[in-house]
Amino acid sequence: MGINLKELNKQIDDFKETKDPERLIIGYKTYSKLMKENKFLDKISKDANDPMIRYYKEIKIKIVTEKHFFEIE
């Protein structure tokens, strides 16, 4: 269920071929699963003005209430 880090990075790279991603929309269980991977944690950064806003590879993350969800905008 959900997406793993390898699939996430592949989808981001594929998306970047057409245009730059603005944000990642991730279900809360999928986000929890990704947070358990150190390589994902190393690339997470916080917004200086709002500590609730997170970025992965400089792409804003939005967490949604659906359990296993992933989309790139």
PDB file of N, CA and C in Angstrom:
ATOM      1  N   MET A   1       0.836  -1.181   0.000  1.00  0.00           N
ATOM      2  CA  MET A   1       0.000   0.000   0.000  1.00  0.00           C
ATOM      3  C   MET A   1       0.882   1.246   0.000  1.00  0.00           C
ATOM      4  N   GLY A   2       0.413   2.289  -0.621  1.00  0.00           N
ATOM      5  CA  GLY A   2       1.161   3.522  -0.655  1.00  0.00           C
ATOM      6  C   GLY A   2       2.302   3.467  -1.658  1.00  0.00           C
ATOM      7  N   ILE A   3       3.323   4.219  -1.397  1.00  0.00           N
ATOM      8  CA  ILE A   3       4.459   4.353  -2.299  1.00  0.00           C
ATOM      9  C   ILE A   3       5.735   4.269  -1.478  1.00  0.00           C
ATOM     10  N   ASN A   4       6.785   3.704  -2.051  1.00  0.00           N
ATOM     11  CA  ASN A   4       8.056   3.683  -1.330  1.00  0.00           C
ATOM     12  C   ASN A   4       8.960   4.789  -1.878  1.00  0.00           C
ATOM     13  N   LEU A   5      10.109   4.984  -1.256  1.00  0.00           N
ATOM     14  CA  LEU A   5      11.000   6.086  -1.608  1.00  0.00           C
ATOM     15  C   LEU A   5      11.509   5.986  -3.040  1.00  0.00           C
ATOM     16  N   LYS A   6      11.826   4.787  -3.483  1.00  0.00           N
ATOM     17  CA  LYS A   6      12.332   4.594  -4.839  1.00  0.00           C
ATOM     18  C   LYS A   6      11.273   5.010  -5.871  1.00  0.00           C
ATOM     19  N   GLU A   7      10.030   4.592  -5.658  1.00  0.00           N
ATOM     20  CA  GLU A   7       8.936   4.961  -6.557  1.00  0.00           C
ATOM     21  C   GLU A   7       8.670   6.462  -6.504  1.00  0.00           C
ATOM     22  N   LEU A   8       8.748   7.046  -5.320  1.00  0.00           N
ATOM     23  CA  LEU A   8       8.544   8.480  -5.149  1.00  0.00           C
ATOM     24  C   LEU A   8       9.546   9.268  -5.981  1.00  0.00           C
ATOM     25  N   ASN A   9      10.822   8.933  -5.832  1.00  0.00           N
ATOM     26  CA  ASN A   9      11.866   9.636  -6.579  1.00  0.00           C
ATOM     27  C   ASN A   9      11.710   9.450  -8.085  1.00  0.00           C
ATOM     28  N   LYS A  10      11.310   8.258  -8.517  1.00  0.00           N
ATOM     29  CA  LYS A  10      11.118   7.998  -9.939  1.00  0.00           C
ATOM     30  C   LYS A  10       9.980   8.847 -10.489  1.00  0.00           C
ATOM     31  N   GLN A  11       8.872   8.931  -9.750  1.00  0.00           N
ATOM     32  CA  GLN A  11       7.743   9.731 -10.208  1.00  0.00           C
ATOM     33  C   GLN A  11       8.085  11.220 -10.242  1.00  0.00           C
ATOM     34  N   ILE A  12       8.863  11.688  -9.279  1.00  0.00           N
ATOM     35  CA  ILE A  12       9.299  13.089  -9.284  1.00  0.00           C
ATOM     36  C   ILE A  12      10.179  13.358 -10.502  1.00  0.00           C
ATOM     37  N   ASP A  13      11.124  12.466 -10.784  1.00  0.00           N
ATOM     38  CA  ASP A  13      12.003  12.634 -11.951  1.00  0.00           C
ATOM     39  C   ASP A  13      11.217  12.614 -13.250  1.00  0.00           C
ATOM     40  N   ASP A  14      10.245  11.701 -13.360  1.00  0.00           N
ATOM     41  CA  ASP A  14       9.403  11.637 -14.550  1.00  0.00           C
ATOM     42  C   ASP A  14       8.579  12.910 -14.715  1.00  0.00           C
ATOM     43  N   PHE A  15       8.064  13.428 -13.614  1.00  0.00           N
ATOM     44  CA  PHE A  15       7.256  14.647 -13.651  1.00  0.00           C
ATOM     45  C   PHE A  15       8.108  15.844 -14.065  1.00  0.00           C
ATOM     46  N   LYS A  16       9.360  15.882 -13.604  1.00  0.00           N
ATOM     47  CA  LYS A  16      10.258  16.998 -13.921  1.00  0.00           C
ATOM     48  C   LYS A  16      10.586  17.071 -15.407  1.00  0.00           C
ATOM     49  N   GLU A  17      10.413  15.979 -16.139  1.00  0.00           N
ATOM     50  CA  GLU A  17      10.667  15.998 -17.578  1.00  0.00           C
ATOM     51  C   GLU A  17       9.676  16.885 -18.306  1.00  0.00           C
ATOM     52  N   THR A  18       8.456  17.031 -17.788  1.00  0.00           N
ATOM     53  CA  THR A  18       7.451  17.867 -18.434  1.00  0.00           C
ATOM     54  C   THR A  18       7.375  19.255 -17.815  1.00  0.00           C
ATOM     55  N   LYS A  19       7.399  19.335 -16.481  1.00  0.00           N
ATOM     56  CA  LYS A  19       7.393  20.636 -15.798  1.00  0.00           C
ATOM     57  C   LYS A  19       7.861  20.460 -14.363  1.00  0.00           C
ATOM     58  N   ASP A  20       8.143  21.586 -13.693  1.00  0.00           N
ATOM     59  CA  ASP A  20       8.613  21.543 -12.311  1.00  0.00           C
ATOM     60  C   ASP A  20       7.440  21.282 -11.368  1.00  0.00           C
ATOM     61  N   PRO A  21       7.589  20.341 -10.453  1.00  0.00           N
ATOM     62  CA  PRO A  21       6.517  20.075  -9.490  1.00  0.00           C
ATOM     63  C   PRO A  21       6.404  21.200  -8.471  1.00  0.00           C
ATOM     64  N   GLU A  22       5.164  21.561  -8.134  1.00  0.00           N
ATOM     65  CA  GLU A  22       4.917  22.605  -7.145  1.00  0.00           C
ATOM     66  C   GLU A  22       4.757  22.028  -5.750  1.00  0.00           C
ATOM     67  N   ARG A  23       4.075  20.867  -5.675  1.00  0.00           N
ATOM     68  CA  ARG A  23       3.903  20.244  -4.363  1.00  0.00           C
ATOM     69  C   ARG A  23       3.603  18.762  -4.508  1.00  0.00           C
ATOM     70  N   LEU A  24       3.901  18.061  -3.417  1.00  0.00           N
ATOM     71  CA  LEU A  24       3.612  16.636  -3.311  1.00  0.00           C
ATOM     72  C   LEU A  24       2.421  16.493  -2.373  1.00  0.00           C
ATOM     73  N   ILE A  25       1.396  15.799  -2.815  1.00  0.00           N
ATOM     74  CA  ILE A  25       0.236  15.553  -1.978  1.00  0.00           C
ATOM     75  C   ILE A  25       0.335  14.097  -1.526  1.00  0.00           C
ATOM     76  N   ILE A  26       0.493  13.913  -0.223  1.00  0.00           N
ATOM     77  CA  ILE A  26       0.778  12.588   0.329  1.00  0.00           C
ATOM     78  C   ILE A  26      -0.229  12.248   1.421  1.00  0.00           C
ATOM     79  N   GLY A  27      -0.767  11.035   1.379  1.00  0.00           N
ATOM     80  CA  GLY A  27      -1.654  10.546   2.430  1.00  0.00           C
ATOM     81  C   GLY A  27      -0.882  10.371   3.728  1.00  0.00           C
ATOM     82  N   TYR A  28      -1.569  10.493   4.849  1.00  0.00           N
ATOM     83  CA  TYR A  28      -0.868  10.490   6.132  1.00  0.00           C
ATOM     84  C   TYR A  28      -0.177   9.164   6.449  1.00  0.00           C
ATOM     85  N   LYS A  29      -0.747   8.041   6.041  1.00  0.00           N
ATOM     86  CA  LYS A  29      -0.082   6.751   6.287  1.00  0.00           C
ATOM     87  C   LYS A  29       1.123   6.583   5.364  1.00  0.00           C
ATOM     88  N   THR A  30       1.001   7.037   4.140  1.00  0.00           N
ATOM     89  CA  THR A  30       2.127   6.983   3.199  1.00  0.00           C
ATOM     90  C   THR A  30       3.266   7.857   3.720  1.00  0.00           C
ATOM     91  N   TYR A  31       2.933   9.054   4.220  1.00  0.00           N
ATOM     92  CA  TYR A  31       3.947   9.951   4.776  1.00  0.00           C
ATOM     93  C   TYR A  31       4.639   9.308   5.978  1.00  0.00           C
ATOM     94  N   SER A  32       3.863   8.667   6.821  1.00  0.00           N
ATOM     95  CA  SER A  32       4.419   7.979   7.992  1.00  0.00           C
ATOM     96  C   SER A  32       5.395   6.885   7.567  1.00  0.00           C
ATOM     97  N   LYS A  33       5.030   6.136   6.540  1.00  0.00           N
ATOM     98  CA  LYS A  33       5.903   5.077   6.025  1.00  0.00           C
ATOM     99  C   LYS A  33       7.201   5.665   5.466  1.00  0.00           C
ATOM    100  N   LEU A  34       7.085   6.763   4.734  1.00  0.00           N
ATOM    101  CA  LEU A  34       8.280   7.405   4.160  1.00  0.00           C
ATOM    102  C   LEU A  34       9.180   7.986   5.247  1.00  0.00           C
ATOM    103  N   MET A  35       8.589   8.492   6.336  1.00  0.00           N
ATOM    104  CA  MET A  35       9.378   9.087   7.413  1.00  0.00           C
ATOM    105  C   MET A  35      10.254   8.056   8.128  1.00  0.00           C
ATOM    106  N   LYS A  36       9.959   6.793   7.959  1.00  0.00           N
ATOM    107  CA  LYS A  36      10.764   5.742   8.576  1.00  0.00           C
ATOM    108  C   LYS A  36      12.041   5.463   7.791  1.00  0.00           C
ATOM    109  N   GLU A  37      12.158   6.043   6.582  1.00  0.00           N
ATOM    110  CA  GLU A  37      13.346   5.831   5.756  1.00  0.00           C
ATOM    111  C   GLU A  37      14.299   7.009   5.936  1.00  0.00           C
ATOM    112  N   ASN A  38      15.538   6.713   6.336  1.00  0.00           N
ATOM    113  CA  ASN A  38      16.517   7.755   6.623  1.00  0.00           C
ATOM    114  C   ASN A  38      16.837   8.620   5.406  1.00  0.00           C
ATOM    115  N   LYS A  39      16.857   8.044   4.234  1.00  0.00           N
ATOM    116  CA  LYS A  39      17.159   8.821   3.024  1.00  0.00           C
ATOM    117  C   LYS A  39      16.080   9.869   2.777  1.00  0.00           C
ATOM    118  N   PHE A  40      14.842   9.553   3.106  1.00  0.00           N
ATOM    119  CA  PHE A  40      13.752  10.523   2.984  1.00  0.00           C
ATOM    120  C   PHE A  40      13.913  11.613   4.038  1.00  0.00           C
ATOM    121  N   LEU A  41      14.187  11.214   5.266  1.00  0.00           N
ATOM    122  CA  LEU A  41      14.355  12.171   6.363  1.00  0.00           C
ATOM    123  C   LEU A  41      15.490  13.156   6.098  1.00  0.00           C
ATOM    124  N   ASP A  42      16.570  12.686   5.484  1.00  0.00           N
ATOM    125  CA  ASP A  42      17.717  13.545   5.212  1.00  0.00           C
ATOM    126  C   ASP A  42      17.388  14.669   4.238  1.00  0.00           C
ATOM    127  N   LYS A  43      16.408  14.462   3.391  1.00  0.00           N
ATOM    128  CA  LYS A  43      16.060  15.456   2.365  1.00  0.00           C
ATOM    129  C   LYS A  43      14.868  16.327   2.758  1.00  0.00           C
ATOM    130  N   ILE A  44      14.295  16.070   3.932  1.00  0.00           N
ATOM    131  CA  ILE A  44      13.168  16.879   4.421  1.00  0.00           C
ATOM    132  C   ILE A  44      13.716  18.158   5.043  1.00  0.00           C
ATOM    133  N   SER A  45      13.086  19.290   4.704  1.00  0.00           N
ATOM    134  CA  SER A  45      13.460  20.559   5.329  1.00  0.00           C
ATOM    135  C   SER A  45      12.194  21.290   5.754  1.00  0.00           C
ATOM    136  N   LYS A  46      12.344  22.216   6.689  1.00  0.00           N
ATOM    137  CA  LYS A  46      11.223  22.995   7.204  1.00  0.00           C
ATOM    138  C   LYS A  46      11.273  24.406   6.642  1.00  0.00           C
ATOM    139  N   ASP A  47      10.118  25.031   6.577  1.00  0.00           N
ATOM    140  CA  ASP A  47      10.015  26.421   6.172  1.00  0.00           C
ATOM    141  C   ASP A  47      10.505  27.291   7.335  1.00  0.00           C
ATOM    142  N   ALA A  48      11.269  28.326   7.025  1.00  0.00           N
ATOM    143  CA  ALA A  48      11.811  29.192   8.074  1.00  0.00           C
ATOM    144  C   ALA A  48      10.717  29.980   8.798  1.00  0.00           C
ATOM    145  N   ASN A  49       9.663  30.344   8.092  1.00  0.00           N
ATOM    146  CA  ASN A  49       8.596  31.144   8.690  1.00  0.00           C
ATOM    147  C   ASN A  49       7.504  30.313   9.346  1.00  0.00           C
ATOM    148  N   ASP A  50       7.274  29.110   8.841  1.00  0.00           N
ATOM    149  CA  ASP A  50       6.209  28.257   9.366  1.00  0.00           C
ATOM    150  C   ASP A  50       6.748  26.841   9.550  1.00  0.00           C
ATOM    151  N   PRO A  51       7.005  26.427  10.781  1.00  0.00           N
ATOM    152  CA  PRO A  51       7.594  25.105  11.018  1.00  0.00           C
ATOM    153  C   PRO A  51       6.680  23.936  10.646  1.00  0.00           C
ATOM    154  N   MET A  52       5.388  24.193  10.376  1.00  0.00           N
ATOM    155  CA  MET A  52       4.467  23.134   9.979  1.00  0.00           C
ATOM    156  C   MET A  52       4.586  22.786   8.496  1.00  0.00           C
ATOM    157  N   ILE A  53       5.231  23.653   7.727  1.00  0.00           N
ATOM    158  CA  ILE A  53       5.401  23.417   6.294  1.00  0.00           C
ATOM    159  C   ILE A  53       6.707  22.670   6.072  1.00  0.00           C
ATOM    160  N   ARG A  54       6.622  21.576   5.337  1.00  0.00           N
ATOM    161  CA  ARG A  54       7.788  20.735   5.050  1.00  0.00           C
ATOM    162  C   ARG A  54       8.040  20.697   3.545  1.00  0.00           C
ATOM    163  N   TYR A  55       9.293  20.462   3.197  1.00  0.00           N
ATOM    164  CA  TYR A  55       9.701  20.337   1.802  1.00  0.00           C
ATOM    165  C   TYR A  55      10.517  19.065   1.615  1.00  0.00           C
ATOM    166  N   TYR A  56      10.348  18.417   0.489  1.00  0.00           N
ATOM    167  CA  TYR A  56      11.175  17.283   0.103  1.00  0.00           C
ATOM    168  C   TYR A  56      11.820  17.655  -1.213  1.00  0.00           C
ATOM    169  N   LYS A  57      13.136  17.728  -1.217  1.00  0.00           N
ATOM    170  CA  LYS A  57      13.892  18.149  -2.403  1.00  0.00           C
ATOM    171  C   LYS A  57      13.356  19.479  -2.928  1.00  0.00           C
ATOM    172  N   GLU A  58      13.065  20.402  -2.015  1.00  0.00           N
ATOM    173  CA  GLU A  58      12.581  21.745  -2.304  1.00  0.00           C
ATOM    174  C   GLU A  58      11.201  21.764  -2.944  1.00  0.00           C
ATOM    175  N   ILE A  59      10.432  20.682  -2.760  1.00  0.00           N
ATOM    176  CA  ILE A  59       9.049  20.613  -3.235  1.00  0.00           C
ATOM    177  C   ILE A  59       8.163  20.562  -1.997  1.00  0.00           C
ATOM    178  N   LYS A  60       7.208  21.469  -1.930  1.00  0.00           N
ATOM    179  CA  LYS A  60       6.325  21.556  -0.760  1.00  0.00           C
ATOM    180  C   LYS A  60       5.505  20.277  -0.609  1.00  0.00           C
ATOM    181  N   ILE A  61       5.358  19.834   0.630  1.00  0.00           N
ATOM    182  CA  ILE A  61       4.576  18.635   0.942  1.00  0.00           C
ATOM    183  C   ILE A  61       3.242  19.052   1.560  1.00  0.00           C
ATOM    184  N   LYS A  62       2.157  18.476   1.047  1.00  0.00           N
ATOM    185  CA  LYS A  62       0.839  18.657   1.656  1.00  0.00           C
ATOM    186  C   LYS A  62       0.360  17.273   2.073  1.00  0.00           C
ATOM    187  N   ILE A  63       0.031  17.123   3.350  1.00  0.00           N
ATOM    188  CA  ILE A  63      -0.448  15.846   3.866  1.00  0.00           C
ATOM    189  C   ILE A  63      -1.975  15.893   3.896  1.00  0.00           C
ATOM    190  N   VAL A  64      -2.592  14.839   3.345  1.00  0.00           N
ATOM    191  CA  VAL A  64      -4.055  14.762   3.290  1.00  0.00           C
ATOM    192  C   VAL A  64      -4.562  13.630   4.175  1.00  0.00           C
ATOM    193  N   THR A  65      -5.866  13.629   4.426  1.00  0.00           N
ATOM    194  CA  THR A  65      -6.456  12.657   5.351  1.00  0.00           C
ATOM    195  C   THR A  65      -6.676  11.275   4.742  1.00  0.00           C
ATOM    196  N   GLU A  66      -6.512  11.137   3.438  1.00  0.00           N
ATOM    197  CA  GLU A  66      -6.613   9.798   2.844  1.00  0.00           C
ATOM    198  C   GLU A  66      -5.406   8.986   3.282  1.00  0.00           C
ATOM    199  N   LYS A  67      -5.608   7.711   3.589  1.00  0.00           N
ATOM    200  CA  LYS A  67      -4.533   6.892   4.143  1.00  0.00           C
ATOM    201  C   LYS A  67      -3.372   6.720   3.175  1.00  0.00           C
ATOM    202  N   HIS A  68      -3.639   6.107   2.042  1.00  0.00           N
ATOM    203  CA  HIS A  68      -2.580   5.778   1.083  1.00  0.00           C
ATOM    204  C   HIS A  68      -2.832   6.555  -0.194  1.00  0.00           C
ATOM    205  N   PHE A  69      -2.204   7.715  -0.294  1.00  0.00           N
ATOM    206  CA  PHE A  69      -2.435   8.604  -1.427  1.00  0.00           C
ATOM    207  C   PHE A  69      -1.131   9.264  -1.802  1.00  0.00           C
ATOM    208  N   PHE A  70      -0.912   9.440  -3.112  1.00  0.00           N
ATOM    209  CA  PHE A  70       0.249  10.183  -3.587  1.00  0.00           C
ATOM    210  C   PHE A  70      -0.079  10.824  -4.916  1.00  0.00           C
ATOM    211  N   GLU A  71       0.257  12.117  -5.029  1.00  0.00           N
ATOM    212  CA  GLU A  71       0.044  12.840  -6.276  1.00  0.00           C
ATOM    213  C   GLU A  71       1.045  13.979  -6.346  1.00  0.00           C
ATOM    214  N   ILE A  72       1.432  14.321  -7.554  1.00  0.00           N
ATOM    215  CA  ILE A  72       2.344  15.438  -7.773  1.00  0.00           C
ATOM    216  C   ILE A  72       1.585  16.520  -8.534  1.00  0.00           C
ATOM    217  N   GLU A  73       1.696  17.751  -8.090  1.00  0.00           N
ATOM    218  CA  GLU A  73       1.089  18.890  -8.803  1.00  0.00           C
ATOM    219  C   GLU A  73       2.163  19.800  -9.310  1.00  0.00           C
TER     220      GLU A  73
END
